[in-house]
Amino acid sequence: MQKPPVALIAMGVFAALASLVPLGYLLIRLGSGFDKALAELSRPRTFELLGNTLLLTVSVTITAIVIGLFQAWLVTRSNLPFAGFFAVLGTLPLAIPSYVLALSYTSMFSWFSGFFASWITLSLATAPYVFLGVSAALVRVDTSQEEVARSLGLSRFRVFTKVTWPQIKTAATASGLLVALYTLSEFGAVSILRYDTFTRAIYNAYRGSFDRTAAASLAVVLVLLTLIALYFERRVRNRYLSVEASGRRNLVELGNWKVLAMTMFGVLGLFGAGFPIAALTGWAFVGSSRSTWGELLSALGSSLSLALLAGVVIGIFATAVALWNVRYGSRFSSLIETTVWSSHALPAIVVGLALVFVGANLTPWIYQTVWLLVFAYLILFLPNALSVIATPMGQVSRGQEQVARSLGLSQVGAIFKLVIPVATPGILAGMALASLTVLKELPATLLLRPNEVDTLATKLWSATETLSYAQAAPYALALIIIAGVPALALNAQARKLASEVR
């Protein structure tokens, strides 16, 4: 097996070490108060939080996979009318922060709270991750194998389970893992909907009593849950498959099910985006907003610049890690990837406080600068980009790479002239997803942003804390509009396929 370029190893190791910074901070806090941490973990309240967190995570993950798989198959493999429009509709909830989604529903329905509300809200907010991942995989599935299976008498369901599913399972399980870790680390929505999970308890411990040891002990449980999720995801997924698109596809005829499919897709879009946007628009015009155009434009500029900068940085590191692990896989590269994922379920407030500690005590020259904030985004959202980039990176034919090497290209030359160009749509999608999540990020931004920087998310949260819906609405609508750009870019492949095969 070929050795990876040194640059890939260096970037992968740096990313892994960056991910370990919050874990090191947690260990320092636990070491300074081990007895107190042990007492916190043994409380009945902790077991209640564990049950609540697991119930919500499993429920949201299963629901998001079902919804995303259903939407992806309809858009890419059936004769669904207006497939391009529905592809946009399936991605649009990504542009709406989950806490904005929760706020819009609570502003309309005062009873909307608890587990059911959190389950519905987070399922709608995370289903697009599965839709995007599975759509990208379905674009490259070899449909000739499905046609052969159908000619041998297999039903469509058997063809899907025996032929199609093995080729998209990696994308589906990677997307499901992303949904699970998103749910584990979610703070804003569960706080607004008043459902107690570990993240809400950690925030309350920090803000209410500034009890860092108690909060650190709860955060460690989240890390353990992340490692368990990673273990099961590795067990159920297959290896990355190199598949080639087979040209024109034979779309499945929906027949009498066409109207029902369109209705179900439309209802999901209505609840995932239509109602929240309508609620925010109503609040923007009802009452008076104290927001000024100057404040709005300033927050908009800060949000865009941070999102673009962080998206490029995260995309570069995600590409390096994916290249190393997928093209030159080894136990060490797998350990690096696992390390990168391990901190993804940590609440952003823990990552932020860890970097406050590091910045104030070890690296004061970057404390309260944009670069420390981008470093936090790298820790938090590198797995988001990695989950999107890894699949197309693995689907680049190794045979073509070997041919390129036989024609005289160096190892690095083959990567830049063959692998990266073929995987470019996936890389750009990973950057777009990273930029999108940065636009919506809140806790770490509140803690680490320079004093003079306000983003749309921070201005929005300041207004929602006092339930000033009219003041919050302009920032929320601006955030949705701006975040809609990378959201549309993310499903470009699905929309392109939908237009080409019809």
Protein backbone atom coordinates (compact mmCIF):
# COMPACT_ATOMS: atom_id res chain seq x y z
CA MET A 1 0.00 0.00 0.00
CA GLN A 2 1.28 3.44 -0.93
CA LYS A 3 2.24 5.90 1.76
CA PRO A 4 0.24 9.14 1.81
CA PRO A 5 1.99 12.46 1.09
CA VAL A 6 3.54 14.08 4.14
CA ALA A 7 1.29 17.13 3.78
CA LEU A 8 -1.82 14.99 4.25
CA ILE A 9 -0.38 13.40 7.38
CA ALA A 10 0.61 16.78 8.83
CA MET A 11 -2.82 18.31 8.22
CA GLY A 12 -4.62 15.25 9.54
CA VAL A 13 -2.54 15.15 12.71
CA PHE A 14 -3.07 18.90 13.25
CA ALA A 15 -6.84 18.46 12.87
CA ALA A 16 -6.82 15.58 15.36
CA LEU A 17 -4.76 17.52 17.88
CA ALA A 18 -7.12 20.47 17.50
CA SER A 19 -10.05 18.18 18.26
CA LEU A 20 -8.32 17.00 21.42
CA VAL A 21 -8.04 20.52 22.88
CA PRO A 22 -11.56 20.52 24.38
CA LEU A 23 -11.05 16.98 25.67
CA GLY A 24 -7.83 18.06 27.36
CA TYR A 25 -9.68 20.96 28.97
CA LEU A 26 -12.31 18.54 30.29
CA LEU A 27 -9.64 16.28 31.78
CA ILE A 28 -8.04 19.25 33.54
CA ARG A 29 -11.40 20.20 35.07
CA LEU A 30 -12.14 16.62 36.09
CA GLY A 31 -8.69 16.23 37.59
CA SER A 32 -9.19 19.28 39.76
CA GLY A 33 -12.46 17.99 41.18
CA PHE A 34 -12.68 14.25 40.63
CA ASP A 35 -14.80 13.45 43.69
CA LYS A 36 -17.29 16.16 42.80
CA ALA A 37 -17.46 14.92 39.21
CA LEU A 38 -18.07 11.35 40.36
CA ALA A 39 -20.88 12.51 42.63
CA GLU A 40 -22.42 14.44 39.74
CA LEU A 41 -22.35 11.39 37.48
CA SER A 42 -24.00 9.16 40.07
CA ARG A 43 -26.98 11.48 40.66
CA PRO A 44 -30.42 10.22 39.55
CA ARG A 45 -30.76 13.45 37.60
CA THR A 46 -27.80 12.44 35.42
CA PHE A 47 -29.45 9.13 34.51
CA GLU A 48 -32.65 11.01 33.67
CA LEU A 49 -30.67 13.31 31.37
CA LEU A 50 -29.01 10.27 29.80
CA GLY A 51 -32.39 8.69 29.05
CA ASN A 52 -33.78 11.93 27.62
CA THR A 53 -30.71 12.47 25.44
CA LEU A 54 -30.63 8.91 24.10
CA LEU A 55 -34.37 8.88 23.40
CA LEU A 56 -34.19 12.14 21.46
CA THR A 57 -31.02 11.16 19.57
CA VAL A 58 -32.28 7.75 18.45
CA SER A 59 -35.73 9.08 17.53
CA VAL A 60 -34.39 12.02 15.52
CA THR A 61 -31.76 9.92 13.74
CA ILE A 62 -34.22 7.25 12.61
CA THR A 63 -36.82 9.82 11.55
CA ALA A 64 -34.29 11.96 9.66
CA ILE A 65 -32.92 8.92 7.80
CA VAL A 66 -36.41 7.83 6.77
CA ILE A 67 -37.39 11.34 5.62
CA GLY A 68 -34.09 12.05 3.85
CA LEU A 69 -33.99 8.67 2.12
CA PHE A 70 -37.60 9.06 0.98
CA GLN A 71 -36.94 12.53 -0.43
CA ALA A 72 -33.65 11.57 -2.11
CA TRP A 73 -35.15 8.53 -3.84
CA LEU A 74 -38.16 10.51 -5.10
CA VAL A 75 -35.97 13.30 -6.54
CA THR A 76 -33.27 11.17 -8.15
CA ARG A 77 -34.94 7.87 -9.03
CA SER A 78 -38.64 8.47 -9.72
CA ASN A 79 -40.67 10.43 -12.27
CA LEU A 80 -41.76 12.92 -9.61
CA PRO A 81 -42.97 16.11 -11.35
CA PHE A 82 -41.06 19.33 -10.64
CA ALA A 83 -38.19 17.31 -9.16
CA GLY A 84 -35.85 20.34 -9.23
CA PHE A 85 -38.30 22.35 -7.13
CA PHE A 86 -38.69 19.51 -4.64
CA ALA A 87 -34.90 19.15 -4.45
CA VAL A 88 -34.73 22.78 -3.35
CA LEU A 89 -37.58 22.19 -0.92
CA GLY A 90 -35.75 19.23 0.62
CA THR A 91 -32.65 21.34 1.27
CA LEU A 92 -34.31 24.59 2.39
CA PRO A 93 -34.61 23.65 6.13
CA LEU A 94 -30.79 23.72 6.27
CA ALA A 95 -30.97 27.48 5.91
CA ILE A 96 -33.08 27.78 9.06
CA PRO A 97 -31.24 27.39 12.40
CA SER A 98 -32.93 24.82 14.59
CA TYR A 99 -33.40 27.40 17.35
CA VAL A 100 -35.17 29.69 14.86
CA LEU A 101 -37.36 26.77 13.82
CA ALA A 102 -38.20 26.11 17.47
CA LEU A 103 -38.82 29.79 18.16
CA SER A 104 -41.18 30.15 15.20
CA TYR A 105 -43.33 27.27 16.41
CA THR A 106 -43.41 28.40 20.03
CA SER A 107 -44.42 31.90 18.87
CA MET A 108 -47.38 30.33 17.04
CA PHE A 109 -48.26 27.56 19.50
CA SER A 110 -47.59 28.21 23.19
CA TRP A 111 -48.11 24.51 24.02
CA PHE A 112 -45.35 23.40 21.64
CA SER A 113 -42.65 22.07 24.01
CA GLY A 114 -41.12 18.92 25.49
CA PHE A 115 -39.95 15.73 23.79
CA PHE A 116 -42.49 15.63 20.97
CA ALA A 117 -41.73 19.22 19.97
CA SER A 118 -37.96 18.64 20.11
CA TRP A 119 -38.27 15.41 18.12
CA ILE A 120 -40.34 17.02 15.34
CA THR A 121 -38.21 20.17 15.20
CA LEU A 122 -34.83 18.44 15.07
CA SER A 123 -36.05 15.77 12.64
CA LEU A 124 -37.16 18.48 10.20
CA ALA A 125 -33.93 20.42 10.75
CA THR A 126 -31.58 17.45 10.18
CA ALA A 127 -33.36 15.45 7.45
CA PRO A 128 -31.63 17.58 4.75
CA TYR A 129 -28.25 16.17 5.85
CA VAL A 130 -29.47 12.70 4.90
CA PHE A 131 -31.18 13.98 1.76
CA LEU A 132 -27.95 15.59 0.52
CA GLY A 133 -25.71 12.65 1.38
CA VAL A 134 -27.97 9.98 -0.10
CA SER A 135 -28.76 12.09 -3.19
CA ALA A 136 -25.05 12.46 -3.93
CA ALA A 137 -24.61 8.68 -3.63
CA LEU A 138 -27.68 7.87 -5.74
CA VAL A 139 -26.34 10.13 -8.50
CA ARG A 140 -23.40 7.75 -8.97
CA VAL A 141 -25.15 4.40 -8.42
CA ASP A 142 -24.82 2.01 -11.37
CA THR A 143 -28.46 1.49 -12.35
CA SER A 144 -27.62 -1.29 -14.84
CA GLN A 145 -27.28 -3.65 -11.88
CA GLU A 146 -30.79 -2.75 -10.77
CA GLU A 147 -32.13 -3.38 -14.27
CA VAL A 148 -30.50 -6.82 -14.33
CA ALA A 149 -32.00 -7.64 -10.92
CA ARG A 150 -35.44 -6.56 -12.12
CA SER A 151 -35.11 -8.72 -15.24
CA LEU A 152 -34.43 -11.71 -12.97
CA GLY A 153 -37.79 -11.21 -11.29
CA LEU A 154 -36.88 -9.33 -8.11
CA SER A 155 -39.43 -6.87 -6.77
CA ARG A 156 -38.52 -3.19 -6.50
CA PHE A 157 -38.21 -3.53 -2.74
CA ARG A 158 -35.83 -6.49 -3.09
CA VAL A 159 -33.81 -4.61 -5.71
CA PHE A 160 -33.48 -1.68 -3.33
CA THR A 161 -32.41 -3.81 -0.34
CA LYS A 162 -30.09 -6.14 -2.28
CA VAL A 163 -28.61 -3.89 -4.97
CA THR A 164 -29.16 -0.19 -4.28
CA TRP A 165 -28.80 -0.07 -0.49
CA PRO A 166 -25.28 -1.62 -0.36
CA GLN A 167 -24.10 1.15 -2.71
CA ILE A 168 -25.58 4.01 -0.69
CA LYS A 169 -25.26 2.57 2.82
CA THR A 170 -22.00 4.37 3.48
CA ALA A 171 -23.57 7.74 2.63
CA ALA A 172 -26.72 6.99 4.63
CA THR A 173 -24.88 5.85 7.76
CA ALA A 174 -22.42 8.77 7.57
CA SER A 175 -25.34 11.19 7.28
CA GLY A 176 -27.14 9.40 10.12
CA LEU A 177 -24.04 9.75 12.28
CA LEU A 178 -23.98 13.48 11.52
CA VAL A 179 -27.64 13.74 12.55
CA ALA A 180 -26.99 11.81 15.78
CA LEU A 181 -24.04 14.00 16.75
CA TYR A 182 -25.97 17.15 15.82
CA THR A 183 -28.77 16.06 18.14
CA LEU A 184 -26.37 15.16 20.94
CA SER A 185 -24.79 18.60 20.83
CA GLU A 186 -27.94 20.66 20.15
CA PHE A 187 -28.54 23.45 22.62
CA GLY A 188 -30.68 26.28 21.26
CA ALA A 189 -33.76 24.33 20.15
CA VAL A 190 -34.01 22.10 23.24
CA SER A 191 -33.61 25.15 25.47
CA ILE A 192 -36.42 27.03 23.74
CA LEU A 193 -38.61 23.90 23.73
CA ARG A 194 -37.83 23.19 27.40
CA TYR A 195 -36.63 19.62 26.99
CA ASP A 196 -33.82 18.63 29.35
CA THR A 197 -30.78 17.04 27.71
CA PHE A 198 -27.09 17.02 28.60
CA THR A 199 -26.40 20.17 26.58
CA ARG A 200 -29.06 22.18 28.38
CA ALA A 201 -27.85 20.91 31.76
CA ILE A 202 -24.25 21.81 30.89
CA TYR A 203 -25.27 25.32 29.88
CA ASN A 204 -27.27 25.77 33.07
CA ALA A 205 -24.34 24.54 35.16
CA TYR A 206 -22.03 27.09 33.52
CA ARG A 207 -24.42 30.01 33.48
CA GLY A 208 -26.37 29.36 36.68
CA SER A 209 -23.59 28.49 39.11
CA PHE A 210 -20.52 28.61 36.85
CA ASP A 211 -19.87 25.05 38.05
CA ARG A 212 -17.20 23.98 35.57
CA THR A 213 -16.53 20.60 37.17
CA ALA A 214 -20.17 19.50 37.09
CA ALA A 215 -20.52 20.68 33.49
CA ALA A 216 -17.28 18.95 32.49
CA SER A 217 -18.44 15.63 33.95
CA LEU A 218 -21.66 15.82 31.92
CA ALA A 219 -19.71 16.76 28.80
CA VAL A 220 -17.55 13.65 29.19
CA VAL A 221 -20.70 11.55 28.97
CA LEU A 222 -21.44 13.20 25.63
CA VAL A 223 -17.97 12.24 24.39
CA LEU A 224 -18.59 8.62 25.42
CA LEU A 225 -21.93 8.65 23.61
CA THR A 226 -20.13 9.99 20.53
CA LEU A 227 -17.60 7.16 20.61
CA ILE A 228 -20.42 4.63 20.92
CA ALA A 229 -22.19 6.19 17.94
CA LEU A 230 -18.94 6.06 15.94
CA TYR A 231 -18.47 2.39 16.84
CA PHE A 232 -21.92 1.36 15.66
CA GLU A 233 -21.61 3.47 12.52
CA ARG A 234 -18.37 1.67 11.64
CA ARG A 235 -20.04 -1.70 12.26
CA VAL A 236 -23.05 -1.15 10.01
CA ARG A 237 -21.50 0.71 7.10
CA ASN A 238 -19.59 -0.93 4.26
CA ARG A 239 -16.37 0.28 2.72
CA TYR A 240 -16.41 3.12 0.25
CA LEU A 241 -17.40 1.74 -3.13
CA SER A 242 -16.00 2.98 -6.43
CA VAL A 243 -19.00 3.25 -8.73
CA GLU A 244 -19.52 4.91 -12.06
CA ALA A 245 -22.61 6.75 -13.22
CA SER A 246 -24.29 4.75 -15.96
CA GLY A 247 -25.63 7.53 -18.14
CA ARG A 248 -29.37 7.82 -18.70
CA ARG A 249 -31.52 6.35 -15.95
CA ASN A 250 -34.85 4.59 -16.19
CA LEU A 251 -37.04 6.40 -13.74
CA VAL A 252 -39.50 4.50 -11.60
CA GLU A 253 -43.08 5.28 -12.59
CA LEU A 254 -45.05 6.42 -9.55
CA GLY A 255 -48.40 6.00 -11.25
CA ASN A 256 -51.28 6.55 -8.84
CA TRP A 257 -48.81 7.29 -6.04
CA LYS A 258 -47.58 10.47 -7.74
CA VAL A 259 -50.08 12.82 -6.09
CA LEU A 260 -49.51 11.25 -2.66
CA ALA A 261 -45.71 11.54 -3.05
CA MET A 262 -45.98 15.22 -4.02
CA THR A 263 -48.34 15.89 -1.12
CA MET A 264 -46.06 14.22 1.45
CA PHE A 265 -43.00 16.04 0.10
CA GLY A 266 -44.91 19.33 0.15
CA VAL A 267 -46.14 18.84 3.72
CA LEU A 268 -42.57 18.18 4.90
CA GLY A 269 -41.43 21.36 3.15
CA LEU A 270 -44.31 23.34 4.61
CA PHE A 271 -43.50 22.37 8.19
CA GLY A 272 -39.73 22.48 7.68
CA ALA A 273 -39.57 25.89 6.03
CA GLY A 274 -42.95 27.36 5.04
CA PHE A 275 -44.47 27.90 8.48
CA PRO A 276 -41.26 29.24 10.09
CA ILE A 277 -40.68 31.74 7.27
CA ALA A 278 -44.33 32.82 7.42
CA ALA A 279 -44.12 33.30 11.20
CA LEU A 280 -40.93 35.37 10.97
CA THR A 281 -42.34 37.48 8.14
CA GLY A 282 -45.42 38.16 10.24
CA TRP A 283 -43.35 39.26 13.22
CA ALA A 284 -41.24 41.49 10.95
CA PHE A 285 -44.35 43.44 9.93
CA VAL A 286 -46.36 43.25 13.15
CA GLY A 287 -45.16 45.66 15.82
CA SER A 288 -42.10 47.82 15.56
CA SER A 289 -38.57 46.56 15.28
CA ARG A 290 -35.79 48.47 16.98
CA SER A 291 -33.25 47.02 14.53
CA THR A 292 -31.61 49.51 12.18
CA TRP A 293 -30.32 48.92 8.68
CA GLY A 294 -26.81 49.79 9.84
CA GLU A 295 -26.84 47.11 12.54
CA LEU A 296 -28.35 44.57 10.16
CA LEU A 297 -25.80 45.20 7.39
CA SER A 298 -22.91 45.13 9.85
CA ALA A 299 -24.03 41.78 11.27
CA LEU A 300 -24.59 40.49 7.74
CA GLY A 301 -21.05 41.44 6.66
CA SER A 302 -19.50 39.80 9.73
CA SER A 303 -21.51 36.61 9.22
CA LEU A 304 -20.57 36.31 5.54
CA SER A 305 -16.85 36.96 6.04
CA LEU A 306 -16.60 34.47 8.91
CA ALA A 307 -18.58 31.81 7.04
CA LEU A 308 -16.50 32.11 3.85
CA LEU A 309 -13.17 32.08 5.69
CA ALA A 310 -14.11 29.16 7.91
CA GLY A 311 -15.66 27.22 5.00
CA VAL A 312 -12.44 27.37 2.99
CA VAL A 313 -10.22 26.42 5.95
CA ILE A 314 -12.49 23.55 7.00
CA GLY A 315 -12.83 22.33 3.40
CA ILE A 316 -9.05 22.15 2.96
CA PHE A 317 -8.55 20.14 6.14
CA ALA A 318 -11.54 17.88 5.41
CA THR A 319 -10.15 17.13 1.94
CA ALA A 320 -6.78 16.20 3.45
CA VAL A 321 -8.29 13.89 6.07
CA ALA A 322 -10.62 12.26 3.52
CA LEU A 323 -7.76 11.72 1.04
CA TRP A 324 -5.61 10.14 3.70
CA ASN A 325 -8.26 7.86 5.17
CA VAL A 326 -10.11 6.89 1.99
CA ARG A 327 -7.28 6.64 -0.55
CA TYR A 328 -4.47 5.53 1.78
CA GLY A 329 -6.45 3.96 4.60
CA SER A 330 -4.62 2.57 7.62
CA ARG A 331 -5.24 2.08 11.31
CA PHE A 332 -3.51 5.37 12.01
CA SER A 333 -5.64 7.30 9.50
CA SER A 334 -8.77 5.66 10.92
CA LEU A 335 -7.69 6.74 14.40
CA ILE A 336 -7.21 10.30 13.12
CA GLU A 337 -10.73 10.32 11.62
CA THR A 338 -12.23 8.91 14.82
CA THR A 339 -10.41 11.56 16.86
CA VAL A 340 -11.80 14.30 14.61
CA TRP A 341 -15.33 12.96 15.08
CA SER A 342 -14.96 12.38 18.83
CA SER A 343 -15.32 16.04 19.81
CA HIS A 344 -18.23 16.72 17.46
CA ALA A 345 -20.89 16.00 20.10
CA LEU A 346 -19.35 18.39 22.60
CA PRO A 347 -21.55 21.43 23.13
CA ALA A 348 -20.14 24.47 21.41
CA ILE A 349 -20.12 26.22 24.77
CA VAL A 350 -17.59 23.66 26.07
CA VAL A 351 -15.40 24.11 22.99
CA GLY A 352 -15.68 27.87 23.42
CA LEU A 353 -14.74 27.83 27.10
CA ALA A 354 -11.84 25.47 26.38
CA LEU A 355 -10.46 27.91 23.83
CA VAL A 356 -11.06 30.85 26.18
CA PHE A 357 -8.86 29.01 28.68
CA VAL A 358 -6.21 28.21 26.03
CA GLY A 359 -6.31 31.67 24.48
CA ALA A 360 -6.13 33.58 27.75
CA ASN A 361 -3.39 31.41 29.29
CA LEU A 362 -1.34 29.87 26.46
CA THR A 363 -1.88 31.87 23.25
CA PRO A 364 -2.80 35.42 24.23
CA TRP A 365 -1.69 36.76 20.82
CA ILE A 366 -4.76 35.19 19.12
CA TYR A 367 -7.20 35.58 22.01
CA GLN A 368 -10.35 37.47 20.99
CA THR A 369 -9.34 37.45 17.33
CA VAL A 370 -11.08 36.01 14.30
CA TRP A 371 -8.45 33.28 14.01
CA LEU A 372 -9.27 31.74 17.38
CA LEU A 373 -12.93 31.76 16.37
CA VAL A 374 -12.08 30.02 13.06
CA PHE A 375 -10.04 27.47 15.03
CA ALA A 376 -13.17 26.75 17.09
CA TYR A 377 -15.21 26.31 13.91
CA LEU A 378 -12.58 23.86 12.63
CA ILE A 379 -12.99 21.74 15.76
CA LEU A 380 -16.77 21.92 15.69
CA PHE A 381 -17.56 21.50 12.00
CA LEU A 382 -14.75 19.56 10.36
CA PRO A 383 -16.85 16.36 10.62
CA ASN A 384 -19.70 18.11 8.77
CA ALA A 385 -17.52 18.68 5.73
CA LEU A 386 -15.80 15.31 6.11
CA SER A 387 -19.12 13.44 5.99
CA VAL A 388 -19.89 15.04 2.61
CA ILE A 389 -16.40 14.88 1.07
CA ALA A 390 -15.47 11.31 2.07
CA THR A 391 -18.06 9.55 -0.11
CA PRO A 392 -17.24 11.17 -3.50
CA MET A 393 -13.55 10.93 -2.63
CA GLY A 394 -13.94 7.17 -2.18
CA GLN A 395 -15.96 6.78 -5.37
CA VAL A 396 -13.10 7.97 -7.61
CA SER A 397 -11.97 4.88 -9.54
CA ARG A 398 -8.67 3.52 -8.29
CA GLY A 399 -8.12 1.99 -11.72
CA GLN A 400 -8.03 5.43 -13.31
CA GLU A 401 -5.55 6.57 -10.68
CA GLN A 402 -3.31 3.59 -11.42
CA VAL A 403 -3.47 4.34 -15.16
CA ALA A 404 -2.49 7.95 -14.47
CA ARG A 405 0.47 6.80 -12.39
CA SER A 406 1.54 4.39 -15.16
CA LEU A 407 1.58 7.31 -17.61
CA GLY A 408 4.19 9.10 -15.53
CA LEU A 409 2.20 11.21 -13.10
CA SER A 410 3.59 11.44 -9.60
CA GLN A 411 1.53 10.54 -6.56
CA VAL A 412 0.79 14.19 -5.83
CA GLY A 413 0.18 14.87 -9.52
CA ALA A 414 -2.41 12.09 -9.70
CA ILE A 415 -4.18 13.55 -6.69
CA PHE A 416 -4.38 17.08 -8.13
CA LYS A 417 -5.02 16.14 -11.76
CA LEU A 418 -7.43 13.23 -11.27
CA VAL A 419 -8.76 12.60 -7.77
CA ILE A 420 -9.49 16.17 -6.67
CA PRO A 421 -11.07 17.29 -10.00
CA VAL A 422 -13.44 14.31 -9.98
CA ALA A 423 -14.27 14.89 -6.30
CA THR A 424 -14.56 18.68 -6.68
CA PRO A 425 -18.40 18.77 -6.49
CA GLY A 426 -18.22 16.90 -3.18
CA ILE A 427 -15.43 19.16 -1.90
CA LEU A 428 -17.40 22.29 -2.77
CA ALA A 429 -20.48 20.77 -1.15
CA GLY A 430 -18.44 20.12 2.01
CA MET A 431 -17.24 23.72 2.06
CA ALA A 432 -20.79 24.96 1.52
CA LEU A 433 -22.08 22.81 4.36
CA ALA A 434 -19.32 24.07 6.66
CA SER A 435 -20.09 27.69 5.74
CA LEU A 436 -23.77 27.05 6.33
CA THR A 437 -23.22 25.63 9.82
CA VAL A 438 -20.87 28.51 10.69
CA LEU A 439 -23.58 31.00 9.69
CA LYS A 440 -25.95 29.39 12.20
CA GLU A 441 -23.48 28.70 15.02
CA LEU A 442 -24.18 30.52 18.27
CA PRO A 443 -22.53 29.54 21.62
CA ALA A 444 -18.89 29.48 20.52
CA THR A 445 -19.37 32.68 18.55
CA LEU A 446 -20.80 34.42 21.62
CA LEU A 447 -17.78 33.42 23.70
CA LEU A 448 -14.92 33.86 21.22
CA ARG A 449 -15.88 36.64 18.82
CA PRO A 450 -13.92 39.89 19.00
CA ASN A 451 -15.75 42.55 20.98
CA GLU A 452 -16.50 44.62 17.90
CA VAL A 453 -17.98 41.70 15.90
CA ASP A 454 -21.70 40.90 15.93
CA THR A 455 -23.16 38.23 13.63
CA LEU A 456 -26.74 37.65 12.55
CA ALA A 457 -26.91 34.68 14.93
CA THR A 458 -25.68 36.61 17.98
CA LYS A 459 -27.98 39.57 17.31
CA LEU A 460 -30.88 37.18 16.81
CA TRP A 461 -30.19 35.32 20.04
CA SER A 462 -29.92 38.54 22.03
CA ALA A 463 -33.44 39.43 20.91
CA THR A 464 -34.90 35.96 21.49
CA GLU A 465 -33.61 35.83 25.06
CA THR A 466 -36.11 38.58 25.89
CA LEU A 467 -38.76 37.12 23.54
CA SER A 468 -38.53 40.24 21.35
CA TYR A 469 -39.89 38.49 18.27
CA ALA A 470 -40.33 41.67 16.22
CA GLN A 471 -36.73 42.70 16.86
CA ALA A 472 -35.40 39.21 16.12
CA ALA A 473 -37.36 38.69 12.91
CA PRO A 474 -35.23 40.86 10.53
CA TYR A 475 -32.03 39.10 11.61
CA ALA A 476 -33.68 35.69 11.30
CA LEU A 477 -35.00 36.44 7.81
CA ALA A 478 -31.62 37.79 6.70
CA LEU A 479 -29.93 34.67 8.08
CA ILE A 480 -32.34 32.41 6.20
CA ILE A 481 -31.83 34.29 2.92
CA ILE A 482 -28.04 34.28 3.18
CA ALA A 483 -27.85 30.67 4.38
CA GLY A 484 -30.11 29.69 1.51
CA VAL A 485 -27.27 30.30 -0.97
CA PRO A 486 -24.98 27.48 0.26
CA ALA A 487 -28.08 25.38 0.93
CA LEU A 488 -29.01 25.60 -2.75
CA ALA A 489 -25.42 24.89 -3.77
CA LEU A 490 -25.43 21.74 -1.66
CA ASN A 491 -28.15 20.03 -3.68
CA ALA A 492 -26.86 21.15 -7.09
CA GLN A 493 -26.02 17.56 -8.03
CA ALA A 494 -29.50 16.30 -7.24
CA ARG A 495 -31.11 19.18 -9.17
CA LYS A 496 -28.77 18.64 -12.12
CA LEU A 497 -29.58 14.95 -12.25
CA ALA A 498 -33.31 15.67 -11.98
CA SER A 499 -33.12 18.01 -15.00
CA GLU A 500 -30.90 15.73 -17.12
CA VAL A 501 -32.92 12.53 -16.81
CA ARG A 502 -36.31 14.15 -17.47
